[in-house]
């Protein structure tokens, strides 16, 4: 008490009558600045996606943060996904009457509020107790697309029930036991999911050093809910890898499996993980309905291109025959504008969605999406674009640096 009292301004320190008011102020300030975890700190205004990243890093466990943040090997591709956007400059047009703007677009014929959706990321319950159900409600409220991960900690049924009017696609892996893949395809089709997103860049899991150091495993109260009970006695001598037995994925997957999937479902098939014009042409030839230009957030092959750098050659190859999307490195509204200008119909965010969940669950993710939408709208207007249809490659100037 002596130390506290000695640091007060002199007029206050001699005014004993003021003590009740001072204590009331201090207690009120503590209440205003106490977070849900009970720690006392001023609540930071969330202005941009980096603010959510900093919050998540501070509040998630080290193993969980490292899992979400991980890139493969030296993380060169993960980091370049972000840096590549900074090498691209915009060529704004002026005096275009941008008093009214419209960020709406369509994906696979369905209107969404702006060209940003949620990429398939695993284990949302590590970030927020309601996990993917909170993600589904947030994307339904914002009216955008949510690609649900196979590796969800809520089942496809729980996710659909949480947001019955939401627009959802389902991300699919092909397993050695093909009946597992067949079963979940039939489940999501019956539940009203609108597309299958086939991830093709994981014949084997990339080497994520911090996950190995941390011996990452799901905590006992969480599991890959879509396969609840399927693998209970199937781990075998190879052990577990990200919630399922190791060596479960089928490394023999090839282009002929696209035809196999088409024989199982009438849902549109979108291939996620294409980075070259050669594979883009093969995707078109095999009759898929979309491509997601993706390097798995830099978590698979280290040394591959940043997705925004790979986008142009794929768009040029496809020539509008199917829709092209992108994920990886999107952190600002101007990033979204650059990707759309280079031909992406929509971009998808992964890690920022998890940061939003870590902040305030459904409300935190809605805040992330609202910030991105506001930034995208502002970047459009400052570039002279009134709607998404006016965004084109004439806006882009690559830096000479």
Protein backbone atom coordinates (compact mmCIF):
# COMPACT_ATOMS: atom_id res chain seq x y z
CA UNK A 1 0.00 0.00 0.00
CA UNK A 2 2.88 2.37 0.82
CA UNK A 3 4.38 1.91 -2.64
CA UNK A 4 1.04 2.36 -4.38
CA UNK A 5 0.26 5.47 -2.35
CA UNK A 6 3.68 7.03 -2.90
CA UNK A 7 3.28 6.94 -6.69
CA UNK A 8 -0.05 8.77 -6.72
CA UNK A 9 -0.01 12.50 -7.60
CA UNK A 10 0.70 14.55 -4.48
CA UNK A 11 -2.72 16.28 -4.24
CA UNK A 12 -4.42 12.90 -4.40
CA UNK A 13 -2.03 11.21 -1.98
CA UNK A 14 -2.90 13.68 0.74
CA UNK A 15 -6.62 13.55 0.11
CA UNK A 16 -7.85 10.58 2.13
CA UNK A 17 -11.44 11.41 1.26
CA UNK A 18 -10.69 10.46 -2.37
CA UNK A 19 -9.67 6.89 -1.55
CA UNK A 20 -13.12 5.26 -2.08
CA UNK A 21 -13.45 6.86 -5.51
CA UNK A 22 -9.92 5.78 -6.48
CA UNK A 23 -10.56 2.18 -5.42
CA UNK A 24 -13.87 2.18 -7.32
CA UNK A 25 -12.10 3.41 -10.45
CA UNK A 26 -9.40 0.76 -10.16
CA UNK A 27 -11.91 -2.04 -9.65
CA UNK A 28 -14.03 -0.81 -12.56
CA UNK A 29 -10.96 -0.64 -14.79
CA UNK A 30 -10.04 -4.19 -13.84
CA UNK A 31 -13.53 -5.42 -14.74
CA UNK A 32 -13.39 -3.65 -18.09
CA UNK A 33 -10.00 -5.15 -18.95
CA UNK A 34 -10.37 -8.72 -17.69
CA UNK A 35 -10.55 -11.31 -20.47
CA UNK A 36 -12.59 -14.50 -20.37
CA UNK A 37 -9.47 -16.37 -19.20
CA UNK A 38 -9.35 -14.13 -16.14
CA UNK A 39 -6.18 -12.28 -16.99
CA UNK A 40 -6.09 -8.56 -16.56
CA UNK A 41 -5.05 -6.73 -19.70
CA UNK A 42 -6.52 -4.02 -21.88
CA UNK A 43 -8.64 -5.52 -24.66
CA UNK A 44 -6.99 -4.79 -27.97
CA UNK A 45 -9.04 -3.41 -30.81
CA UNK A 46 -9.04 -5.90 -33.68
CA UNK A 47 -8.17 -3.83 -36.74
CA UNK A 48 -6.61 -6.34 -39.13
CA UNK A 49 -6.02 -10.08 -39.41
CA UNK A 50 -2.56 -9.77 -37.87
CA UNK A 51 -4.24 -8.72 -34.61
CA UNK A 52 -6.11 -12.02 -34.52
CA UNK A 53 -2.89 -13.89 -35.27
CA UNK A 54 -1.14 -12.25 -32.32
CA UNK A 55 -4.07 -13.01 -30.03
CA UNK A 56 -4.16 -16.67 -31.09
CA UNK A 57 -0.42 -17.10 -30.62
CA UNK A 58 -0.68 -15.69 -27.10
CA UNK A 59 -3.70 -17.72 -26.00
CA UNK A 60 -3.38 -21.11 -27.69
CA UNK A 61 -1.11 -23.79 -26.28
CA UNK A 62 2.33 -24.04 -27.90
CA UNK A 63 1.58 -27.40 -29.50
CA UNK A 64 -1.72 -26.14 -30.94
CA UNK A 65 -0.19 -22.91 -32.22
CA UNK A 66 2.71 -24.80 -33.77
CA UNK A 67 0.29 -27.21 -35.47
CA UNK A 68 -1.71 -24.41 -37.10
CA UNK A 69 1.37 -22.35 -37.98
CA UNK A 70 3.45 -25.24 -39.29
CA UNK A 71 5.00 -25.30 -42.71
CA UNK A 72 6.99 -28.11 -44.26
CA UNK A 73 10.76 -28.34 -43.69
CA UNK A 74 12.22 -24.80 -43.66
CA UNK A 75 8.83 -23.14 -44.25
CA UNK A 76 10.07 -21.33 -47.37
CA UNK A 77 6.86 -21.92 -49.33
CA UNK A 78 4.65 -21.08 -46.35
CA UNK A 79 6.40 -17.74 -45.93
CA UNK A 80 6.54 -17.00 -49.65
CA UNK A 81 2.76 -17.37 -49.86
CA UNK A 82 2.60 -14.10 -47.94
CA UNK A 83 5.64 -12.35 -49.39
CA UNK A 84 4.52 -12.94 -52.98
CA UNK A 85 1.56 -10.58 -52.54
CA UNK A 86 3.95 -7.80 -51.54
CA UNK A 87 5.76 -8.14 -54.87
CA UNK A 88 2.58 -7.27 -56.75
CA UNK A 89 1.51 -3.65 -57.20
CA UNK A 90 -1.88 -2.28 -58.18
CA UNK A 91 -2.60 0.18 -61.00
CA UNK A 92 -5.53 2.22 -59.68
CA UNK A 93 -7.93 4.07 -61.96
CA UNK A 94 -9.41 7.38 -60.82
CA UNK A 95 -12.57 9.46 -61.30
CA UNK A 96 -14.73 6.36 -61.71
CA UNK A 97 -17.69 7.22 -59.40
CA UNK A 98 -17.27 4.60 -56.69
CA UNK A 99 -20.03 6.02 -54.50
CA UNK A 100 -21.79 2.64 -54.67
CA UNK A 101 -19.93 -0.67 -54.60
CA UNK A 102 -20.96 -4.32 -54.72
CA UNK A 103 -18.67 -7.14 -53.51
CA UNK A 104 -20.98 -10.03 -54.36
CA UNK A 105 -19.88 -12.83 -56.66
CA UNK A 106 -20.83 -16.42 -57.46
CA UNK A 107 -19.06 -19.76 -57.06
CA UNK A 108 -20.44 -22.79 -58.89
CA UNK A 109 -23.55 -20.72 -59.64
CA UNK A 110 -24.30 -19.78 -56.02
CA UNK A 111 -24.11 -16.16 -54.89
CA UNK A 112 -21.86 -15.30 -51.96
CA UNK A 113 -21.37 -11.94 -50.26
CA UNK A 114 -17.75 -11.45 -51.36
CA UNK A 115 -15.05 -13.60 -52.95
CA UNK A 116 -13.63 -15.03 -49.73
CA UNK A 117 -14.52 -18.43 -48.30
CA UNK A 118 -13.15 -20.71 -45.60
CA UNK A 119 -10.53 -23.25 -46.67
CA UNK A 120 -10.57 -26.77 -45.23
CA UNK A 121 -8.57 -26.69 -42.00
CA UNK A 122 -8.53 -29.44 -39.41
CA UNK A 123 -9.33 -29.63 -35.71
CA UNK A 124 -11.23 -26.39 -35.06
CA UNK A 125 -12.10 -27.60 -31.55
CA UNK A 126 -8.46 -27.01 -30.64
CA UNK A 127 -9.13 -23.29 -31.14
CA UNK A 128 -12.69 -23.03 -29.79
CA UNK A 129 -14.85 -25.52 -27.92
CA UNK A 130 -17.64 -25.49 -30.54
CA UNK A 131 -15.15 -26.00 -33.33
CA UNK A 132 -16.50 -26.43 -36.84
CA UNK A 133 -20.07 -25.81 -35.72
CA UNK A 134 -19.06 -22.24 -34.85
CA UNK A 135 -17.31 -21.95 -38.22
CA UNK A 136 -20.44 -23.12 -40.01
CA UNK A 137 -22.65 -20.60 -38.21
CA UNK A 138 -20.24 -17.74 -38.92
CA UNK A 139 -20.05 -18.48 -42.64
CA UNK A 140 -23.81 -18.92 -42.85
CA UNK A 141 -24.28 -15.51 -41.20
CA UNK A 142 -21.83 -13.83 -43.59
CA UNK A 143 -23.21 -15.77 -46.59
CA UNK A 144 -20.05 -17.31 -47.95
CA UNK A 145 -18.68 -20.76 -48.71
CA UNK A 146 -17.24 -23.08 -46.07
CA UNK A 147 -15.15 -26.04 -47.22
CA UNK A 148 -15.47 -28.54 -44.38
CA UNK A 149 -12.38 -30.62 -43.67
CA UNK A 150 -12.38 -34.41 -43.51
CA UNK A 151 -10.28 -33.93 -40.37
CA UNK A 152 -12.98 -32.04 -38.48
CA UNK A 153 -13.50 -32.39 -34.76
CA UNK A 154 -17.26 -32.14 -35.42
CA UNK A 155 -19.02 -34.55 -37.73
CA UNK A 156 -20.49 -33.56 -41.09
CA UNK A 157 -23.91 -34.14 -39.54
CA UNK A 158 -23.21 -31.82 -36.60
CA UNK A 159 -21.89 -29.13 -38.92
CA UNK A 160 -24.95 -29.32 -41.18
CA UNK A 161 -27.31 -29.17 -38.19
CA UNK A 162 -25.50 -26.14 -36.75
CA UNK A 163 -26.04 -24.07 -39.91
CA UNK A 164 -28.80 -25.72 -41.95
CA UNK A 165 -28.94 -22.90 -44.51
CA UNK A 166 -25.19 -22.54 -44.95
CA UNK A 167 -23.39 -23.04 -48.26
CA UNK A 168 -20.87 -25.86 -47.79
CA UNK A 169 -18.48 -27.97 -49.81
CA UNK A 170 -16.71 -31.04 -48.43
CA UNK A 171 -12.97 -31.65 -48.66
CA UNK A 172 -12.13 -35.27 -49.42
CA UNK A 173 -9.08 -37.49 -49.17
CA UNK A 174 -8.87 -40.87 -50.87
CA UNK A 175 -8.04 -43.67 -48.44
CA UNK A 176 -6.48 -47.07 -48.96
CA UNK A 177 -9.83 -48.41 -47.83
CA UNK A 178 -11.95 -46.87 -50.57
CA UNK A 179 -15.16 -47.71 -48.73
CA UNK A 180 -14.31 -45.01 -46.19
CA UNK A 181 -14.22 -42.42 -48.95
CA UNK A 182 -17.39 -43.80 -50.55
CA UNK A 183 -19.26 -43.73 -47.25
CA UNK A 184 -18.48 -40.12 -46.45
CA UNK A 185 -19.29 -39.01 -50.01
CA UNK A 186 -22.77 -40.48 -49.65
CA UNK A 187 -23.18 -38.89 -46.22
CA UNK A 188 -22.33 -35.35 -47.36
CA UNK A 189 -24.39 -35.63 -50.51
CA UNK A 190 -27.43 -36.62 -48.44
CA UNK A 191 -26.77 -33.72 -46.04
CA UNK A 192 -26.85 -31.10 -48.80
CA UNK A 193 -23.18 -30.32 -49.23
CA UNK A 194 -22.86 -28.75 -52.67
CA UNK A 195 -19.45 -29.92 -53.97
CA UNK A 196 -16.57 -32.30 -53.32
CA UNK A 197 -13.10 -30.80 -52.98
CA UNK A 198 -10.55 -33.52 -53.72
CA UNK A 199 -7.21 -32.76 -52.08
CA UNK A 200 -4.48 -34.16 -54.34
CA UNK A 201 -1.21 -32.91 -52.82
CA UNK A 202 -0.99 -35.36 -49.90
CA UNK A 203 0.09 -38.79 -51.12
CA UNK A 204 2.21 -38.60 -47.98
CA UNK A 205 2.18 -36.04 -45.19
CA UNK A 206 4.82 -33.30 -45.41
CA UNK A 207 7.52 -33.05 -42.76
CA UNK A 208 6.39 -30.47 -40.22
CA UNK A 209 9.28 -30.18 -37.83
CA UNK A 210 7.54 -28.63 -34.83
CA UNK A 211 4.79 -31.25 -34.89
CA UNK A 212 7.48 -33.92 -34.72
CA UNK A 213 9.28 -32.12 -31.90
CA UNK A 214 6.03 -31.64 -29.99
CA UNK A 215 4.88 -35.20 -30.72
CA UNK A 216 1.59 -33.63 -31.73
CA UNK A 217 -1.55 -35.59 -30.94
CA UNK A 218 -5.16 -34.64 -30.43
CA UNK A 219 -6.06 -34.41 -26.74
CA UNK A 220 -8.06 -37.39 -25.45
CA UNK A 221 -11.41 -35.54 -25.49
CA UNK A 222 -11.15 -34.75 -29.22
CA UNK A 223 -11.20 -37.02 -32.26
CA UNK A 224 -11.70 -36.99 -36.02
CA UNK A 225 -15.46 -37.19 -35.66
CA UNK A 226 -16.19 -38.22 -39.23
CA UNK A 227 -14.47 -41.53 -38.51
CA UNK A 228 -15.63 -41.95 -34.93
CA UNK A 229 -15.21 -45.60 -34.04
CA UNK A 230 -13.78 -46.63 -37.40
CA UNK A 231 -10.12 -46.67 -36.36
CA UNK A 232 -10.41 -47.60 -32.68
CA UNK A 233 -8.37 -50.75 -33.03
CA UNK A 234 -6.63 -50.03 -36.29
CA UNK A 235 -3.63 -47.88 -35.33
CA UNK A 236 -1.20 -50.78 -35.65
CA UNK A 237 2.59 -50.62 -35.28
CA UNK A 238 2.95 -47.46 -37.38
CA UNK A 239 1.05 -45.47 -34.77
CA UNK A 240 -1.23 -42.48 -35.18
CA UNK A 241 -0.86 -39.46 -37.44
CA UNK A 242 -3.14 -36.45 -36.97
CA UNK A 243 -5.96 -38.39 -35.36
CA UNK A 244 -6.03 -41.44 -37.64
CA UNK A 245 -3.71 -44.42 -38.10
CA UNK A 246 -0.55 -43.64 -40.06
CA UNK A 247 -0.48 -44.72 -43.71
CA UNK A 248 -4.27 -44.40 -44.05
CA UNK A 249 -4.12 -42.15 -47.12
CA UNK A 250 -3.72 -43.85 -50.49
CA UNK A 251 -0.50 -42.77 -52.26
CA UNK A 252 -1.56 -44.59 -55.43
CA UNK A 253 -4.24 -41.98 -56.19
CA UNK A 254 -4.11 -40.91 -59.85
CA UNK A 255 -6.18 -39.17 -62.52
CA UNK A 256 -8.27 -42.30 -63.05
CA UNK A 257 -9.66 -41.81 -59.54
CA UNK A 258 -11.40 -38.66 -60.73
CA UNK A 259 -13.52 -40.90 -62.97
CA UNK A 260 -14.10 -43.21 -60.00
CA UNK A 261 -15.40 -40.28 -57.93
CA UNK A 262 -17.63 -39.14 -60.79
CA UNK A 263 -19.17 -42.62 -60.82
CA UNK A 264 -20.11 -42.25 -57.15
CA UNK A 265 -21.69 -38.80 -57.06
CA UNK A 266 -23.39 -36.08 -59.06
CA UNK A 267 -21.77 -33.38 -56.96
CA UNK A 268 -19.35 -31.03 -58.72
CA UNK A 269 -15.73 -32.11 -58.20
CA UNK A 270 -13.11 -29.45 -57.48
CA UNK A 271 -9.44 -30.39 -57.35
CA UNK A 272 -7.37 -28.72 -54.65
CA UNK A 273 -3.59 -28.68 -54.94
CA UNK A 274 -2.83 -27.81 -58.55
CA UNK A 275 0.17 -25.54 -59.20
CA UNK A 276 1.06 -26.07 -62.88
CA UNK A 277 -0.53 -25.45 -66.25
CA UNK A 278 0.00 -29.09 -67.22
CA UNK A 279 -2.12 -30.37 -64.35
CA UNK A 280 -4.68 -27.63 -64.92
CA UNK A 281 -5.16 -28.88 -68.48
CA UNK A 282 -5.50 -32.47 -67.25
CA UNK A 283 -8.11 -31.35 -64.73
CA UNK A 284 -10.18 -29.79 -67.49
CA UNK A 285 -9.79 -32.88 -69.66
CA UNK A 286 -11.03 -35.08 -66.81
CA UNK A 287 -14.22 -33.10 -66.47
CA UNK A 288 -13.84 -31.49 -63.06
CA UNK A 289 -15.78 -28.31 -62.29
CA UNK A 290 -13.10 -26.29 -60.55
CA UNK A 291 -9.48 -25.96 -59.44
CA UNK A 292 -8.13 -24.58 -56.17
CA UNK A 293 -4.60 -23.34 -56.73
CA UNK A 294 -3.05 -24.48 -53.47
CA UNK A 295 0.19 -25.64 -51.89
CA UNK A 296 -1.55 -26.78 -48.71
CA UNK A 297 -0.52 -23.61 -46.88
CA UNK A 298 3.13 -24.50 -47.46
CA UNK A 299 2.68 -27.63 -45.36
CA UNK A 300 3.56 -30.22 -48.01
CA UNK A 301 6.35 -29.63 -50.58
CA UNK A 302 8.74 -26.94 -49.42
CA UNK A 303 10.23 -25.07 -52.36
CA UNK A 304 7.14 -25.00 -54.52
CA UNK A 305 5.71 -21.73 -55.82
CA UNK A 306 3.59 -19.31 -53.87
CA UNK A 307 0.00 -19.81 -54.95
CA UNK A 308 -0.48 -16.24 -56.19
CA UNK A 309 2.61 -16.73 -58.39
CA UNK A 310 1.17 -19.94 -59.85
CA UNK A 311 -2.27 -18.49 -60.47
CA UNK A 312 -1.73 -16.70 -63.78
CA UNK A 313 -0.46 -19.68 -65.79
CA UNK A 314 -3.35 -21.81 -64.56
CA UNK A 315 -5.95 -19.16 -65.41
CA UNK A 316 -4.37 -18.71 -68.84
CA UNK A 317 -4.49 -22.45 -69.45
CA UNK A 318 -8.06 -22.95 -68.29
CA UNK A 319 -9.38 -20.04 -70.40
CA UNK A 320 -12.66 -19.86 -68.51
CA UNK A 321 -13.65 -23.49 -69.12
CA UNK A 322 -13.88 -24.11 -65.36
CA UNK A 323 -13.65 -21.86 -62.31
CA UNK A 324 -10.29 -21.27 -60.66
CA UNK A 325 -9.92 -20.49 -56.96
CA UNK A 326 -6.91 -19.93 -54.69
CA UNK A 327 -5.81 -20.32 -51.10
CA UNK A 328 -2.60 -19.50 -49.25
CA UNK A 329 -1.25 -16.22 -47.92
CA UNK A 330 -4.39 -14.06 -48.09
CA UNK A 331 -4.27 -11.62 -45.18
CA UNK A 332 -5.77 -8.34 -46.46
CA UNK A 333 -8.50 -7.03 -48.69
CA UNK A 334 -5.90 -5.89 -51.20
CA UNK A 335 -4.60 -9.48 -51.35
CA UNK A 336 -8.11 -10.56 -52.30
CA UNK A 337 -8.25 -7.84 -54.96
CA UNK A 338 -4.91 -8.94 -56.44
CA UNK A 339 -5.99 -12.58 -56.62
CA UNK A 340 -9.33 -11.74 -58.24
CA UNK A 341 -7.58 -9.42 -60.70
CA UNK A 342 -5.29 -12.29 -61.69
CA UNK A 343 -8.27 -14.53 -62.39
CA UNK A 344 -9.32 -16.22 -59.15
CA UNK A 345 -13.07 -16.50 -58.88
CA UNK A 346 -12.77 -16.69 -55.08
CA UNK A 347 -10.04 -17.07 -52.47
CA UNK A 348 -10.15 -19.22 -49.37
CA UNK A 349 -8.55 -18.47 -45.99
CA UNK A 350 -7.29 -21.14 -43.61
CA UNK A 351 -5.18 -19.98 -40.67
CA UNK A 352 -7.01 -16.63 -40.26
CA UNK A 353 -10.26 -18.53 -39.74
CA UNK A 354 -8.68 -20.45 -36.87
CA UNK A 355 -7.35 -17.21 -35.38
CA UNK A 356 -10.85 -15.78 -35.42
CA UNK A 357 -12.19 -18.85 -33.63
CA UNK A 358 -9.45 -18.59 -31.01
CA UNK A 359 -10.46 -14.99 -30.36
CA UNK A 360 -14.22 -15.33 -29.87
CA UNK A 361 -15.51 -18.40 -31.65
CA UNK A 362 -18.32 -17.71 -34.11
CA UNK A 363 -18.24 -13.97 -33.37
CA UNK A 364 -14.48 -13.85 -33.82
CA UNK A 365 -14.62 -15.53 -37.21
CA UNK A 366 -17.43 -13.22 -38.32
CA UNK A 367 -15.23 -10.31 -37.31
CA UNK A 368 -12.35 -11.67 -39.41
CA UNK A 369 -14.64 -11.99 -42.43
CA UNK A 370 -16.19 -8.54 -41.93
CA UNK A 371 -12.73 -6.95 -41.72
CA UNK A 372 -11.66 -8.68 -44.93
CA UNK A 373 -14.87 -7.66 -46.67
CA UNK A 374 -14.48 -4.03 -45.58
CA UNK A 375 -10.85 -3.98 -46.71
CA UNK A 376 -11.74 -5.58 -50.03
CA UNK A 377 -14.52 -3.06 -50.63
CA UNK A 378 -12.16 -0.19 -49.82
CA UNK A 379 -9.38 -1.57 -52.05
CA UNK A 380 -11.90 -1.96 -54.88
CA UNK A 381 -13.06 1.62 -54.54
CA UNK A 382 -9.55 3.05 -54.28
CA UNK A 383 -8.66 1.12 -57.43
CA UNK A 384 -11.68 2.43 -59.30
CA UNK A 385 -13.77 -0.77 -59.27
CA UNK A 386 -17.47 -0.62 -58.45
CA UNK A 387 -18.15 -4.35 -58.58
CA UNK A 388 -16.29 -7.63 -58.92
CA UNK A 389 -16.93 -7.81 -62.67
CA UNK A 390 -14.81 -4.66 -63.15
CA UNK A 391 -11.75 -6.26 -61.55
CA UNK A 392 -9.31 -7.54 -64.18
CA UNK A 393 -5.63 -8.00 -64.93
CA UNK A 394 -5.24 -4.36 -66.02
CA UNK A 395 -5.14 -3.56 -62.30
CA UNK A 396 -1.91 -5.51 -61.80
CA UNK A 397 1.65 -4.31 -62.09
CA UNK A 398 4.36 -6.71 -61.00
CA UNK A 399 7.18 -5.12 -59.03
CA UNK A 400 10.61 -5.04 -60.66
CA UNK A 401 12.25 -5.66 -57.30
